[in-house]
């Protein structure tokens, strides 16, 4: 049981470290942009096409120039680690905050769990 728990924790840690990598739209290549949750090949192409005309000044500039990038989508991408000039979108939760909230929620859920009948706690 303990081995399974440790394996699950290790797997979770490995996936979250990759999921929350910070990617700047003015420096990233297509592969790095595609690695951000919510950015697909068509959006990364649109970002790179617009960036070839000049770097993005801020989030407002990015949203104005990239078709289909509204407030909600921009906030979600920022939460997933996308940045403009090293800055997250204002008002969007940062990856660290999101990770912390989900970890606290999981811990609270686990704290209230009772062992199944016939299984004692160790």
N, C-alpha and C. Protein backbone atom coordinates (compact mmCIF):
# COMPACT_ATOMS: atom_id res chain seq x y z
N UNK A 1 0.83 -1.19 0.00
CA UNK A 1 0.00 0.00 0.00
C UNK A 1 0.87 1.25 0.00
N UNK A 2 1.90 1.26 0.82
CA UNK A 2 2.78 2.43 0.91
C UNK A 2 3.54 2.61 -0.40
N UNK A 3 3.96 1.50 -1.01
CA UNK A 3 4.67 1.59 -2.28
C UNK A 3 3.79 2.21 -3.36
N UNK A 4 2.52 1.82 -3.39
CA UNK A 4 1.59 2.38 -4.38
C UNK A 4 1.40 3.88 -4.15
N UNK A 5 1.29 4.27 -2.90
CA UNK A 5 1.12 5.68 -2.56
C UNK A 5 2.35 6.48 -2.99
N UNK A 6 3.52 5.96 -2.70
CA UNK A 6 4.76 6.66 -3.07
C UNK A 6 4.90 6.76 -4.59
N UNK A 7 4.52 5.69 -5.30
CA UNK A 7 4.57 5.71 -6.75
C UNK A 7 3.61 6.75 -7.31
N UNK A 8 2.42 6.84 -6.75
CA UNK A 8 1.44 7.82 -7.19
C UNK A 8 1.94 9.25 -6.96
N UNK A 9 2.56 9.48 -5.82
CA UNK A 9 3.10 10.81 -5.51
C UNK A 9 4.23 11.16 -6.47
N UNK A 10 5.11 10.20 -6.75
CA UNK A 10 6.21 10.44 -7.67
C UNK A 10 5.70 10.74 -9.07
N UNK A 11 4.68 10.00 -9.52
CA UNK A 11 4.11 10.25 -10.84
C UNK A 11 3.46 11.62 -10.91
N UNK A 12 2.76 12.01 -9.86
CA UNK A 12 2.13 13.32 -9.82
C UNK A 12 3.18 14.43 -9.85
N UNK A 13 4.23 14.27 -9.10
CA UNK A 13 5.29 15.28 -9.07
C UNK A 13 5.95 15.41 -10.44
N UNK A 14 6.16 14.30 -11.11
CA UNK A 14 6.80 14.33 -12.43
C UNK A 14 5.91 15.05 -13.45
N UNK A 15 4.61 14.78 -13.43
CA UNK A 15 3.73 15.41 -14.41
C UNK A 15 3.51 16.88 -14.12
N UNK A 16 3.42 17.27 -12.86
CA UNK A 16 3.18 18.68 -12.56
C UNK A 16 4.40 19.53 -12.86
N UNK A 17 5.59 18.99 -12.75
CA UNK A 17 6.78 19.80 -13.05
C UNK A 17 6.84 20.14 -14.53
N UNK A 18 6.36 19.24 -15.39
CA UNK A 18 6.34 19.53 -16.81
C UNK A 18 5.16 20.39 -17.19
N UNK A 19 4.05 20.23 -16.52
CA UNK A 19 2.83 20.92 -16.87
C UNK A 19 2.91 22.41 -16.59
N UNK A 20 3.75 22.82 -15.66
CA UNK A 20 3.77 24.21 -15.26
C UNK A 20 5.05 24.94 -15.66
N UNK A 21 5.69 24.50 -16.74
CA UNK A 21 6.88 25.18 -17.21
C UNK A 21 6.48 26.55 -17.77
N UNK A 22 7.28 27.56 -17.52
CA UNK A 22 7.00 28.91 -18.00
C UNK A 22 7.51 29.05 -19.43
N UNK A 23 6.66 29.52 -20.32
CA UNK A 23 6.99 29.68 -21.73
C UNK A 23 6.66 31.11 -22.15
N UNK A 24 7.67 31.83 -22.63
CA UNK A 24 7.46 33.21 -23.07
C UNK A 24 7.16 33.23 -24.56
N UNK A 25 6.06 33.88 -24.96
CA UNK A 25 5.65 33.90 -26.36
C UNK A 25 6.66 34.59 -27.27
N UNK A 26 7.48 35.47 -26.72
CA UNK A 26 8.46 36.18 -27.54
C UNK A 26 9.77 35.42 -27.72
N UNK A 27 9.93 34.30 -27.02
CA UNK A 27 11.17 33.53 -27.10
C UNK A 27 10.96 32.09 -27.54
N UNK A 28 9.77 31.56 -27.36
CA UNK A 28 9.50 30.14 -27.57
C UNK A 28 9.39 29.77 -29.05
N UNK A 29 9.79 28.53 -29.35
CA UNK A 29 9.57 27.99 -30.68
C UNK A 29 8.23 27.25 -30.69
N UNK A 30 7.87 26.70 -31.84
CA UNK A 30 6.57 26.03 -31.98
C UNK A 30 6.41 24.88 -31.00
N UNK A 31 7.47 24.09 -30.80
CA UNK A 31 7.38 22.94 -29.89
C UNK A 31 7.12 23.39 -28.46
N UNK A 32 7.78 24.44 -28.02
CA UNK A 32 7.58 24.94 -26.66
C UNK A 32 6.16 25.49 -26.49
N UNK A 33 5.67 26.20 -27.49
CA UNK A 33 4.31 26.74 -27.42
C UNK A 33 3.29 25.60 -27.40
N UNK A 34 3.51 24.58 -28.22
CA UNK A 34 2.61 23.42 -28.25
C UNK A 34 2.61 22.68 -26.92
N UNK A 35 3.66 22.82 -26.15
CA UNK A 35 3.76 22.16 -24.85
C UNK A 35 2.91 22.81 -23.77
N UNK A 36 2.40 23.99 -24.03
CA UNK A 36 1.53 24.68 -23.07
C UNK A 36 0.12 24.13 -23.24
N UNK A 37 -0.47 23.70 -22.15
CA UNK A 37 -1.83 23.15 -22.20
C UNK A 37 -2.78 24.22 -22.74
N UNK A 38 -3.49 23.89 -23.81
CA UNK A 38 -4.42 24.82 -24.41
C UNK A 38 -3.92 25.45 -25.70
N UNK A 39 -2.63 25.28 -25.98
CA UNK A 39 -2.06 25.80 -27.22
C UNK A 39 -1.85 24.62 -28.16
N UNK A 40 -2.47 24.68 -29.31
CA UNK A 40 -2.29 23.63 -30.31
C UNK A 40 -1.46 24.15 -31.47
N UNK A 41 -1.27 23.30 -32.47
CA UNK A 41 -0.45 23.69 -33.62
C UNK A 41 -0.96 24.94 -34.35
N UNK A 42 -2.27 25.09 -34.48
CA UNK A 42 -2.79 26.25 -35.21
C UNK A 42 -2.56 27.54 -34.42
N UNK A 43 -2.73 27.49 -33.09
CA UNK A 43 -2.50 28.69 -32.29
C UNK A 43 -1.01 29.03 -32.25
N UNK A 44 -0.16 28.01 -32.11
CA UNK A 44 1.28 28.31 -32.07
C UNK A 44 1.73 28.91 -33.40
N UNK A 45 1.17 28.45 -34.53
CA UNK A 45 1.49 29.02 -35.83
C UNK A 45 1.04 30.48 -35.89
N UNK A 46 -0.17 30.75 -35.40
CA UNK A 46 -0.68 32.12 -35.40
C UNK A 46 0.20 33.03 -34.54
N UNK A 47 0.63 32.52 -33.39
CA UNK A 47 1.51 33.30 -32.51
C UNK A 47 2.83 33.59 -33.20
N UNK A 48 3.43 32.58 -33.82
CA UNK A 48 4.72 32.76 -34.49
C UNK A 48 4.60 33.68 -35.70
N UNK A 49 3.49 33.56 -36.46
CA UNK A 49 3.28 34.44 -37.61
C UNK A 49 3.19 35.90 -37.17
N UNK A 50 2.45 36.16 -36.11
CA UNK A 50 2.31 37.53 -35.61
C UNK A 50 3.62 38.04 -35.00
N UNK A 51 4.32 37.15 -34.32
CA UNK A 51 5.59 37.56 -33.70
C UNK A 51 6.63 37.92 -34.75
N UNK A 52 6.53 37.32 -35.95
CA UNK A 52 7.49 37.65 -37.01
C UNK A 52 7.34 39.11 -37.46
N UNK A 53 6.19 39.71 -37.17
CA UNK A 53 5.95 41.13 -37.50
C UNK A 53 6.46 42.05 -36.41
N UNK A 54 6.81 41.48 -35.27
CA UNK A 54 7.30 42.27 -34.14
C UNK A 54 6.90 41.58 -32.84
N UNK A 55 7.75 41.71 -31.83
CA UNK A 55 7.46 41.07 -30.55
C UNK A 55 6.18 41.63 -29.93
N UNK A 56 5.57 40.81 -29.09
CA UNK A 56 4.38 41.23 -28.37
C UNK A 56 4.78 42.12 -27.20
N UNK A 57 4.10 43.25 -27.05
CA UNK A 57 4.43 44.19 -25.98
C UNK A 57 3.91 43.71 -24.63
N UNK A 58 2.68 43.19 -24.63
CA UNK A 58 2.03 42.76 -23.39
C UNK A 58 0.88 41.82 -23.75
N UNK A 59 0.12 41.40 -22.74
CA UNK A 59 -0.98 40.48 -22.97
C UNK A 59 -2.05 41.09 -23.88
N UNK A 60 -2.33 42.37 -23.71
CA UNK A 60 -3.34 43.04 -24.53
C UNK A 60 -2.92 43.00 -26.01
N UNK A 61 -1.65 43.23 -26.27
CA UNK A 61 -1.13 43.19 -27.64
C UNK A 61 -1.25 41.77 -28.21
N UNK A 62 -0.92 40.76 -27.41
CA UNK A 62 -1.03 39.37 -27.84
C UNK A 62 -2.48 39.03 -28.19
N UNK A 63 -3.40 39.41 -27.32
CA UNK A 63 -4.82 39.12 -27.54
C UNK A 63 -5.36 39.86 -28.77
N UNK A 64 -4.89 41.06 -29.00
CA UNK A 64 -5.34 41.85 -30.13
C UNK A 64 -4.87 41.24 -31.46
N UNK A 65 -3.65 40.73 -31.47
CA UNK A 65 -3.04 40.27 -32.71
C UNK A 65 -3.29 38.80 -33.04
N UNK A 66 -3.59 37.97 -32.03
CA UNK A 66 -3.80 36.54 -32.28
C UNK A 66 -5.30 36.25 -32.24
N UNK A 67 -5.84 35.86 -33.38
CA UNK A 67 -7.26 35.59 -33.51
C UNK A 67 -7.68 34.43 -32.60
N UNK A 68 -8.81 34.61 -31.93
CA UNK A 68 -9.35 33.56 -31.07
C UNK A 68 -8.80 33.55 -29.66
N UNK A 69 -8.03 34.56 -29.30
CA UNK A 69 -7.44 34.62 -27.97
C UNK A 69 -8.15 35.71 -27.15
N UNK A 70 -9.26 35.30 -26.51
CA UNK A 70 -10.03 36.22 -25.70
C UNK A 70 -9.55 36.23 -24.26
N UNK A 71 -10.29 36.91 -23.40
CA UNK A 71 -9.92 37.04 -21.99
C UNK A 71 -9.82 35.69 -21.28
N UNK A 72 -10.85 34.86 -21.43
CA UNK A 72 -10.87 33.57 -20.73
C UNK A 72 -9.76 32.66 -21.20
N UNK A 73 -9.57 32.58 -22.50
CA UNK A 73 -8.52 31.72 -23.06
C UNK A 73 -7.15 32.23 -22.62
N UNK A 74 -6.94 33.53 -22.65
CA UNK A 74 -5.66 34.11 -22.24
C UNK A 74 -5.39 33.80 -20.77
N UNK A 75 -6.41 33.91 -19.92
CA UNK A 75 -6.24 33.61 -18.50
C UNK A 75 -5.86 32.15 -18.29
N UNK A 76 -6.53 31.25 -19.02
CA UNK A 76 -6.21 29.82 -18.90
C UNK A 76 -4.79 29.52 -19.37
N UNK A 77 -4.38 30.14 -20.47
CA UNK A 77 -3.02 29.93 -20.97
C UNK A 77 -1.99 30.47 -19.99
N UNK A 78 -2.29 31.61 -19.38
CA UNK A 78 -1.38 32.17 -18.39
C UNK A 78 -1.26 31.24 -17.19
N UNK A 79 -2.38 30.68 -16.75
CA UNK A 79 -2.36 29.72 -15.64
C UNK A 79 -1.56 28.49 -16.00
N UNK A 80 -1.55 28.12 -17.28
CA UNK A 80 -0.81 26.95 -17.74
C UNK A 80 0.67 27.24 -17.93
N UNK A 81 1.08 28.51 -17.78
CA UNK A 81 2.50 28.85 -17.85
C UNK A 81 2.91 29.77 -18.97
N UNK A 82 1.99 30.19 -19.82
CA UNK A 82 2.34 31.10 -20.91
C UNK A 82 2.57 32.50 -20.35
N UNK A 83 3.61 33.15 -20.85
CA UNK A 83 3.96 34.50 -20.41
C UNK A 83 4.22 35.40 -21.59
N UNK A 84 4.07 36.70 -21.38
CA UNK A 84 4.44 37.70 -22.37
C UNK A 84 5.48 38.59 -21.70
N UNK A 85 6.68 38.62 -22.25
CA UNK A 85 7.80 39.37 -21.68
C UNK A 85 8.05 39.00 -20.22
N UNK A 86 7.94 37.71 -19.92
CA UNK A 86 8.21 37.22 -18.57
C UNK A 86 7.12 37.48 -17.56
N UNK A 87 5.95 37.92 -18.02
CA UNK A 87 4.87 38.25 -17.08
C UNK A 87 3.63 37.42 -17.36
N UNK A 88 3.00 36.95 -16.28
CA UNK A 88 1.73 36.27 -16.38
C UNK A 88 0.64 37.30 -16.61
N UNK A 89 -0.50 36.87 -17.08
CA UNK A 89 -1.62 37.79 -17.29
C UNK A 89 -2.16 38.23 -15.94
N UNK A 90 -2.39 39.53 -15.82
CA UNK A 90 -2.94 40.06 -14.56
C UNK A 90 -4.32 39.46 -14.32
N UNK A 91 -4.55 39.08 -13.07
CA UNK A 91 -5.83 38.52 -12.70
C UNK A 91 -5.92 37.01 -12.88
N UNK A 92 -4.97 36.42 -13.60
CA UNK A 92 -4.97 34.98 -13.79
C UNK A 92 -4.16 34.35 -12.65
N UNK A 93 -4.63 33.20 -12.18
CA UNK A 93 -3.88 32.49 -11.15
C UNK A 93 -2.57 32.00 -11.75
N UNK A 94 -1.52 32.07 -10.98
CA UNK A 94 -0.24 31.57 -11.47
C UNK A 94 -0.21 30.06 -11.34
N UNK A 95 0.69 29.42 -12.03
CA UNK A 95 0.81 27.97 -11.97
C UNK A 95 1.09 27.50 -10.55
N UNK A 96 1.92 28.22 -9.84
CA UNK A 96 2.25 27.82 -8.46
C UNK A 96 1.02 27.92 -7.57
N UNK A 97 0.23 28.98 -7.75
CA UNK A 97 -0.99 29.12 -6.95
C UNK A 97 -1.97 28.01 -7.28
N UNK A 98 -2.13 27.70 -8.57
CA UNK A 98 -3.04 26.64 -8.99
C UNK A 98 -2.60 25.31 -8.42
N UNK A 99 -1.30 25.04 -8.48
CA UNK A 99 -0.76 23.79 -7.96
C UNK A 99 -0.98 23.71 -6.46
N UNK A 100 -0.76 24.81 -5.77
CA UNK A 100 -0.93 24.85 -4.32
C UNK A 100 -2.39 24.61 -3.94
N UNK A 101 -3.33 25.25 -4.66
CA UNK A 101 -4.74 25.08 -4.37
C UNK A 101 -5.17 23.63 -4.57
N UNK A 102 -4.71 23.00 -5.66
CA UNK A 102 -5.11 21.62 -5.91
C UNK A 102 -4.47 20.68 -4.90
N UNK A 103 -3.27 20.96 -4.45
CA UNK A 103 -2.63 20.13 -3.43
C UNK A 103 -3.36 20.25 -2.10
N UNK A 104 -3.77 21.48 -1.73
CA UNK A 104 -4.51 21.68 -0.49
C UNK A 104 -5.87 20.99 -0.55
N UNK A 105 -6.53 21.06 -1.70
CA UNK A 105 -7.83 20.42 -1.85
C UNK A 105 -7.70 18.91 -1.72
N UNK A 106 -6.65 18.35 -2.32
CA UNK A 106 -6.41 16.91 -2.22
C UNK A 106 -6.09 16.49 -0.80
N UNK A 107 -5.32 17.29 -0.10
CA UNK A 107 -4.97 16.98 1.29
C UNK A 107 -6.20 17.05 2.18
N UNK A 108 -7.06 18.03 1.96
CA UNK A 108 -8.28 18.16 2.76
C UNK A 108 -9.20 16.98 2.50
N UNK A 109 -9.26 16.55 1.27
CA UNK A 109 -10.10 15.41 0.91
C UNK A 109 -9.56 14.15 1.58
N UNK A 110 -8.23 13.96 1.53
CA UNK A 110 -7.60 12.79 2.14
C UNK A 110 -7.76 12.79 3.65
N UNK A 111 -7.73 13.96 4.27
CA UNK A 111 -7.84 14.05 5.72
C UNK A 111 -9.20 13.58 6.20
N UNK A 112 -10.23 13.77 5.38
CA UNK A 112 -11.57 13.37 5.76
C UNK A 112 -11.89 11.93 5.40
N UNK A 113 -10.99 11.25 4.69
CA UNK A 113 -11.24 9.87 4.26
C UNK A 113 -11.07 8.92 5.43
N UNK A 114 -11.94 7.92 5.47
CA UNK A 114 -11.87 6.90 6.51
C UNK A 114 -11.36 5.61 5.88
N UNK A 115 -10.61 4.80 6.63
CA UNK A 115 -10.17 3.53 6.06
C UNK A 115 -11.35 2.63 5.80
N UNK A 116 -11.25 1.84 4.74
CA UNK A 116 -12.33 0.91 4.40
C UNK A 116 -12.45 -0.15 5.48
N UNK A 117 -13.62 -0.73 5.60
CA UNK A 117 -13.88 -1.74 6.62
C UNK A 117 -12.89 -2.88 6.44
N UNK A 118 -12.32 -3.33 7.54
CA UNK A 118 -11.36 -4.44 7.49
C UNK A 118 -9.94 -3.98 7.29
N UNK A 119 -9.74 -2.68 7.03
CA UNK A 119 -8.39 -2.16 6.83
C UNK A 119 -8.09 -1.20 7.96
N UNK A 120 -7.03 -1.44 8.64
CA UNK A 120 -6.63 -0.54 9.72
C UNK A 120 -5.66 0.48 9.19
N UNK A 121 -5.44 1.53 9.93
CA UNK A 121 -4.45 2.52 9.53
C UNK A 121 -3.10 2.09 10.07
N UNK A 122 -2.04 2.51 9.38
CA UNK A 122 -0.67 2.13 9.78
C UNK A 122 0.01 3.26 10.43
